[in-house]
């Protein structure tokens, strides 16, 4: 028996020693927005693929593009506008999978501001996230023909922190929110849905792809790295589908991984329910038509577009093709 136990222990240690290390950089803090990755780790889906995945939370002072550029991560979660803007500036990022099929971004406005449609935006103050999150907004304003420098007939941009204070304190008529997060923070603050007017980017025809998985292009030239990413994407999508089917359990797994203790069970369960609507229907493969719509939106910025030319090599199906086939 002792020999058997020793042999089993040695086998376990050998398996652990041979596991491939992968570092994932998230776009934001630990929350249900990233539940699929935490579920994949908690349920052993990464381990089954021979991977040892380190999930690094983001934050207000963490730019995933800078982290991956500096070698601090193998793969990152980011929105396509930020990734394409970085690519045009010389950081060759490539989308290898797209867990989020739909956009959750919107502007949430106080009804008392008098805004009932985008035609009412001129001469209003709008809260906007930066650090790469501003690109969809800037593209939308350009398509509307609205200057964002505060000049007459345009809009005044309030650089919004990652909270809803500008709306609650009436510093802005509208603020940036996500369907799964900040909108509910406004509701929890005591404002009723009837007191709000919301504009989903998708409904306005300016939705851009969010929460894709990106790696550096030069690393994809390595067959070994390709195979590691195939395993990572396969396990991650297994985690996402499990999270969709078991939203409350997924939310609790997220909470267990929140070292800050800042999240609440109520908020994370609600968030997971909303996030599941955005990942529904996705098997991880990028919808090229959606990517091309994102590019078209970013190019249509008049004299100041987010990107100046259609990117080449900004996405690939090589990873998901293999991950879905096995």
Protein backbone atom coordinates (compact mmCIF):
# COMPACT_ATOMS: atom_id res chain seq x y z
CA UNK A 1 0.00 0.00 0.00
CA UNK A 2 2.81 2.37 0.90
CA UNK A 3 4.50 1.68 -2.43
CA UNK A 4 1.22 2.34 -4.25
CA UNK A 5 0.70 5.62 -2.41
CA UNK A 6 4.25 6.69 -3.14
CA UNK A 7 3.84 5.83 -6.81
CA UNK A 8 0.57 7.78 -6.98
CA UNK A 9 2.15 10.77 -5.28
CA UNK A 10 5.07 10.72 -7.68
CA UNK A 11 2.71 10.51 -10.64
CA UNK A 12 0.72 13.47 -9.33
CA UNK A 13 3.87 15.48 -8.81
CA UNK A 14 5.11 14.60 -12.27
CA UNK A 15 1.79 15.68 -13.80
CA UNK A 16 1.88 18.96 -11.92
CA UNK A 17 5.47 19.59 -12.95
CA UNK A 18 4.63 19.08 -16.62
CA UNK A 19 1.63 21.42 -16.59
CA UNK A 20 1.93 24.37 -18.96
CA UNK A 21 1.76 27.76 -17.28
CA UNK A 22 -0.60 30.31 -18.80
CA UNK A 23 -1.18 33.82 -17.48
CA UNK A 24 -4.49 35.48 -18.33
CA UNK A 25 -4.87 39.23 -17.83
CA UNK A 26 -8.45 40.34 -17.26
CA UNK A 27 -9.85 43.66 -18.44
CA UNK A 28 -11.28 44.53 -15.04
CA UNK A 29 -11.51 43.37 -11.44
CA UNK A 30 -12.69 39.92 -10.38
CA UNK A 31 -16.41 39.78 -11.18
CA UNK A 32 -18.95 37.69 -13.09
CA UNK A 33 -17.95 39.40 -16.33
CA UNK A 34 -15.10 36.87 -16.29
CA UNK A 35 -16.94 33.96 -14.70
CA UNK A 36 -16.09 31.48 -17.45
CA UNK A 37 -12.38 31.62 -16.67
CA UNK A 38 -12.83 31.25 -12.93
CA UNK A 39 -15.27 28.38 -13.47
CA UNK A 40 -12.82 26.65 -15.83
CA UNK A 41 -10.14 26.86 -13.17
CA UNK A 42 -12.40 25.88 -10.25
CA UNK A 43 -13.93 22.91 -12.08
CA UNK A 44 -10.58 21.59 -13.24
CA UNK A 45 -11.18 22.21 -16.95
CA UNK A 46 -7.77 23.83 -17.34
CA UNK A 47 -6.13 21.08 -15.34
CA UNK A 48 -7.74 18.47 -17.61
CA UNK A 49 -5.96 20.16 -20.51
CA UNK A 50 -2.64 20.11 -18.67
CA UNK A 51 -2.68 23.82 -17.98
CA UNK A 52 -1.83 25.80 -14.87
CA UNK A 53 -3.67 29.09 -15.40
CA UNK A 54 -2.94 32.21 -13.38
CA UNK A 55 -5.83 34.68 -13.66
CA UNK A 56 -4.71 38.26 -13.04
CA UNK A 57 -7.47 40.77 -12.20
CA UNK A 58 -7.44 44.16 -13.84
CA UNK A 59 -8.31 47.51 -12.30
CA UNK A 60 -8.52 51.24 -12.96
CA UNK A 61 -4.75 51.55 -13.28
CA UNK A 62 -4.18 48.37 -15.28
CA UNK A 63 -4.23 48.41 -19.09
CA UNK A 64 -4.26 44.86 -20.47
CA UNK A 65 -2.47 46.02 -23.62
CA UNK A 66 0.43 47.33 -21.54
CA UNK A 67 0.58 44.17 -19.47
CA UNK A 68 0.78 41.85 -22.46
CA UNK A 69 3.21 44.16 -24.27
CA UNK A 70 5.52 43.99 -21.26
CA UNK A 71 5.41 40.20 -21.11
CA UNK A 72 3.19 40.09 -18.03
CA UNK A 73 0.56 37.89 -19.65
CA UNK A 74 0.24 35.29 -22.40
CA UNK A 75 -3.34 36.13 -23.27
CA UNK A 76 -5.68 38.96 -22.31
CA UNK A 77 -9.33 39.91 -22.28
CA UNK A 78 -10.10 43.21 -24.01
CA UNK A 79 -12.58 44.97 -26.24
CA UNK A 80 -11.89 44.91 -29.97
CA UNK A 81 -11.80 48.73 -30.37
CA UNK A 82 -8.98 49.01 -27.84
CA UNK A 83 -7.14 46.07 -29.40
CA UNK A 84 -7.44 47.47 -32.93
CA UNK A 85 -6.36 50.93 -31.81
CA UNK A 86 -3.32 49.39 -30.11
CA UNK A 87 -2.57 47.32 -33.20
CA UNK A 88 -2.56 50.38 -35.43
CA UNK A 89 -0.11 52.00 -33.01
CA UNK A 90 2.29 49.06 -33.34
CA UNK A 91 1.20 46.46 -30.77
CA UNK A 92 0.33 43.49 -32.97
CA UNK A 93 -2.59 41.97 -31.08
CA UNK A 94 -4.63 39.16 -32.60
CA UNK A 95 -8.09 38.00 -31.58
CA UNK A 96 -8.02 34.22 -31.13
CA UNK A 97 -11.51 33.74 -29.66
CA UNK A 98 -14.66 35.71 -28.93
CA UNK A 99 -16.65 34.42 -25.92
CA UNK A 100 -18.94 37.49 -25.90
CA UNK A 101 -21.34 37.48 -28.86
CA UNK A 102 -23.21 40.65 -27.90
CA UNK A 103 -22.42 44.08 -26.50
CA UNK A 104 -23.52 45.18 -23.04
CA UNK A 105 -22.48 48.80 -23.38
CA UNK A 106 -24.97 51.67 -23.13
CA UNK A 107 -25.47 55.27 -22.10
CA UNK A 108 -27.79 55.70 -19.14
CA UNK A 109 -29.44 59.10 -18.81
CA UNK A 110 -31.67 60.85 -16.30
CA UNK A 111 -35.10 61.38 -17.83
CA UNK A 112 -35.25 64.79 -16.16
CA UNK A 113 -32.37 65.90 -18.40
CA UNK A 114 -34.82 66.02 -21.29
CA UNK A 115 -32.91 63.48 -23.36
CA UNK A 116 -35.24 61.14 -25.21
CA UNK A 117 -33.11 60.35 -28.27
CA UNK A 118 -29.55 60.96 -29.55
CA UNK A 119 -30.90 64.11 -31.18
CA UNK A 120 -31.00 65.58 -27.67
CA UNK A 121 -27.29 65.00 -26.95
CA UNK A 122 -26.00 68.36 -28.24
CA UNK A 123 -24.86 70.72 -25.48
CA UNK A 124 -25.18 67.99 -22.85
CA UNK A 125 -22.47 66.55 -20.61
CA UNK A 126 -21.90 62.83 -21.09
CA UNK A 127 -19.81 60.60 -18.85
CA UNK A 128 -17.28 58.48 -20.70
CA UNK A 129 -14.83 55.81 -19.58
CA UNK A 130 -11.30 56.09 -20.93
CA UNK A 131 -8.31 53.67 -20.92
CA UNK A 132 -9.45 52.27 -24.28
CA UNK A 133 -13.15 52.18 -23.38
CA UNK A 134 -13.80 55.55 -25.01
CA UNK A 135 -13.41 54.34 -28.60
CA UNK A 136 -16.99 53.07 -29.16
CA UNK A 137 -18.35 56.34 -27.74
CA UNK A 138 -16.08 58.52 -29.87
CA UNK A 139 -17.02 56.54 -32.96
CA UNK A 140 -20.73 56.97 -32.18
CA UNK A 141 -20.41 60.72 -31.65
CA UNK A 142 -18.48 61.03 -34.91
CA UNK A 143 -21.25 59.22 -36.75
CA UNK A 144 -23.76 61.62 -35.20
CA UNK A 145 -21.62 64.55 -36.31
CA UNK A 146 -21.12 65.76 -32.75
CA UNK A 147 -17.88 67.32 -31.60
CA UNK A 148 -16.63 66.07 -28.24
CA UNK A 149 -14.60 69.12 -27.25
CA UNK A 150 -17.39 70.93 -25.44
CA UNK A 151 -17.98 73.39 -28.23
CA UNK A 152 -21.49 74.71 -28.94
CA UNK A 153 -23.69 72.14 -30.61
CA UNK A 154 -21.44 69.30 -29.57
CA UNK A 155 -21.13 67.38 -26.31
CA UNK A 156 -18.99 67.91 -23.25
CA UNK A 157 -17.16 64.76 -22.24
CA UNK A 158 -16.79 64.12 -18.53
CA UNK A 159 -13.96 61.67 -17.91
CA UNK A 160 -15.92 59.18 -15.86
CA UNK A 161 -14.40 57.08 -13.12
CA UNK A 162 -15.51 53.48 -12.89
CA UNK A 163 -18.56 54.38 -10.83
CA UNK A 164 -21.96 56.02 -11.31
CA UNK A 165 -21.38 59.11 -9.17
CA UNK A 166 -21.62 61.66 -12.03
CA UNK A 167 -25.22 60.63 -12.67
CA UNK A 168 -26.21 60.43 -9.01
CA UNK A 169 -24.66 63.83 -8.36
CA UNK A 170 -26.14 65.21 -11.61
CA UNK A 171 -22.74 66.20 -12.95
CA UNK A 172 -23.68 64.56 -16.26
CA UNK A 173 -26.93 64.02 -18.10
CA UNK A 174 -25.80 60.53 -19.13
CA UNK A 175 -23.05 58.14 -18.10
CA UNK A 176 -21.46 55.01 -19.52
CA UNK A 177 -22.88 51.80 -18.08
CA UNK A 178 -22.88 48.10 -18.81
CA UNK A 179 -26.11 46.11 -18.84
CA UNK A 180 -24.61 43.74 -16.29
CA UNK A 181 -22.96 46.18 -13.90
CA UNK A 182 -23.21 49.95 -13.57
CA UNK A 183 -26.85 50.19 -14.67
CA UNK A 184 -27.79 48.12 -11.64
CA UNK A 185 -25.62 50.28 -9.42
CA UNK A 186 -27.81 53.21 -10.45
CA UNK A 187 -30.93 51.20 -9.63
CA UNK A 188 -29.49 50.10 -6.29
CA UNK A 189 -28.83 53.78 -5.49
CA UNK A 190 -32.59 54.35 -5.45
CA UNK A 191 -33.29 55.61 -8.97
CA UNK A 192 -36.15 53.76 -10.67
CA UNK A 193 -36.07 52.51 -14.27
CA UNK A 194 -38.84 54.99 -15.06
CA UNK A 195 -36.51 57.83 -14.11
CA UNK A 196 -33.95 56.67 -16.65
CA UNK A 197 -33.54 56.63 -20.41
CA UNK A 198 -31.05 54.12 -21.81
CA UNK A 199 -29.37 53.82 -25.18
CA UNK A 200 -27.83 50.43 -25.92
CA UNK A 201 -25.01 50.71 -28.42
CA UNK A 202 -26.36 47.68 -30.27
CA UNK A 203 -29.75 49.34 -30.71
CA UNK A 204 -28.00 52.40 -32.14
CA UNK A 205 -26.14 50.33 -34.73
CA UNK A 206 -22.74 51.20 -33.26
CA UNK A 207 -22.09 48.12 -31.13
CA UNK A 208 -18.50 46.89 -31.18
CA UNK A 209 -17.17 43.55 -30.02
CA UNK A 210 -16.30 43.26 -26.34
CA UNK A 211 -14.40 40.77 -24.16
CA UNK A 212 -12.43 38.85 -26.74
CA UNK A 213 -9.23 36.88 -26.12
CA UNK A 214 -6.07 38.43 -27.57
CA UNK A 215 -2.44 37.37 -27.91
CA UNK A 216 0.63 38.87 -29.54
CA UNK A 217 0.98 38.02 -33.21
CA UNK A 218 4.61 36.94 -33.05
CA UNK A 219 3.81 34.29 -30.44
CA UNK A 220 1.30 32.66 -32.77
CA UNK A 221 4.20 31.74 -35.03
CA UNK A 222 5.20 29.17 -32.40
CA UNK A 223 3.33 25.85 -32.92
CA UNK A 224 3.74 25.01 -29.23
CA UNK A 225 2.08 28.27 -28.21
CA UNK A 226 -0.70 27.62 -30.70
CA UNK A 227 -1.41 24.27 -29.10
CA UNK A 228 -1.38 25.81 -25.62
CA UNK A 229 -3.93 28.40 -26.73
CA UNK A 230 -6.11 25.68 -28.30
CA UNK A 231 -6.22 23.97 -24.92
CA UNK A 232 -6.82 27.25 -23.12
CA UNK A 233 -9.70 28.32 -25.38
CA UNK A 234 -11.31 24.89 -25.29
CA UNK A 235 -11.26 24.80 -21.48
CA UNK A 236 -12.34 28.45 -21.20
CA UNK A 237 -15.38 27.93 -23.42
CA UNK A 238 -16.27 24.84 -21.39
CA UNK A 239 -16.15 27.13 -18.37
CA UNK A 240 -18.38 29.70 -20.06
CA UNK A 241 -21.01 27.17 -21.06
CA UNK A 242 -21.02 25.77 -17.52
CA UNK A 243 -21.43 29.30 -16.15
CA UNK A 244 -24.37 29.95 -18.47
CA UNK A 245 -26.09 26.74 -17.35
CA UNK A 246 -25.29 27.27 -13.66
CA UNK A 247 -25.30 31.06 -13.14
CA UNK A 248 -25.72 31.09 -9.36
CA UNK A 249 -22.94 28.55 -8.83
CA UNK A 250 -20.71 30.49 -11.23
CA UNK A 251 -21.35 33.70 -9.30
CA UNK A 252 -20.35 32.01 -6.05
CA UNK A 253 -17.13 30.74 -7.65
CA UNK A 254 -16.35 34.32 -8.67
CA UNK A 255 -16.97 35.51 -5.11
CA UNK A 256 -14.61 32.85 -3.76
CA UNK A 257 -11.89 34.27 -6.01
CA UNK A 258 -12.49 37.90 -5.08
CA UNK A 259 -9.61 38.59 -2.73
CA UNK A 260 -10.79 42.17 -2.16
CA UNK A 261 -14.12 41.11 -0.69
CA UNK A 262 -15.67 44.10 -2.48
CA UNK A 263 -18.31 42.12 -4.39
CA UNK A 264 -21.69 41.05 -3.04
CA UNK A 265 -23.61 37.86 -3.70
CA UNK A 266 -26.68 39.76 -4.91
CA UNK A 267 -24.75 41.85 -7.40
CA UNK A 268 -22.66 38.97 -8.76
CA UNK A 269 -25.64 36.67 -9.24
CA UNK A 270 -27.49 39.41 -11.07
CA UNK A 271 -24.38 40.20 -13.11
CA UNK A 272 -23.92 36.58 -14.10
CA UNK A 273 -27.50 36.42 -15.30
CA UNK A 274 -26.94 39.45 -17.52
CA UNK A 275 -23.51 38.30 -18.76
CA UNK A 276 -25.00 34.95 -19.77
CA UNK A 277 -27.19 36.85 -22.23
CA UNK A 278 -24.05 38.23 -23.89
CA UNK A 279 -22.18 34.92 -24.14
CA UNK A 280 -25.28 32.97 -25.22
CA UNK A 281 -24.89 31.44 -28.65
CA UNK A 282 -21.11 31.82 -28.71
CA UNK A 283 -18.89 28.76 -29.01
CA UNK A 284 -15.82 30.97 -28.93
CA UNK A 285 -15.44 31.37 -32.68
CA UNK A 286 -15.27 34.95 -33.88
CA UNK A 287 -18.15 36.13 -36.07
CA UNK A 288 -16.14 37.77 -38.84
CA UNK A 289 -19.13 39.84 -39.94
CA UNK A 290 -19.37 41.29 -36.42
CA UNK A 291 -15.64 42.04 -36.46
CA UNK A 292 -15.98 43.80 -39.81
CA UNK A 293 -18.90 45.84 -38.45
CA UNK A 294 -16.68 46.84 -35.54
CA UNK A 295 -13.98 47.94 -37.96
CA UNK A 296 -16.47 49.87 -40.08
CA UNK A 297 -17.79 51.64 -36.99
CA UNK A 298 -14.31 52.64 -35.88
CA UNK A 299 -13.38 53.88 -39.36
CA UNK A 300 -16.48 56.04 -39.68
CA UNK A 301 -15.16 58.83 -37.50
CA UNK A 302 -14.99 61.62 -40.05
CA UNK A 303 -11.79 63.60 -39.68
CA UNK A 304 -10.89 61.86 -36.42
CA UNK A 305 -11.61 58.12 -36.72
CA UNK A 306 -10.53 55.66 -34.02
CA UNK A 307 -8.50 53.74 -36.61
CA UNK A 308 -7.44 55.08 -40.00
CA UNK A 309 -7.36 51.90 -42.09
CA UNK A 310 -8.83 48.42 -42.08
CA UNK A 311 -6.50 46.11 -40.13
CA UNK A 312 -4.86 43.04 -41.63
CA UNK A 313 -4.25 39.93 -39.55
CA UNK A 314 -6.14 41.31 -36.54
CA UNK A 315 -8.00 38.04 -35.97
CA UNK A 316 -7.54 34.36 -36.73
CA UNK A 317 -9.69 31.24 -36.56
CA UNK A 318 -6.76 28.83 -36.31
CA UNK A 319 -7.17 28.42 -32.55
CA UNK A 320 -10.95 28.02 -32.37
CA UNK A 321 -10.99 25.79 -35.47
CA UNK A 322 -8.77 23.30 -33.64
CA UNK A 323 -10.41 23.80 -30.25
CA UNK A 324 -13.90 23.13 -31.60
CA UNK A 325 -12.80 20.19 -33.75
CA UNK A 326 -11.26 18.18 -30.90
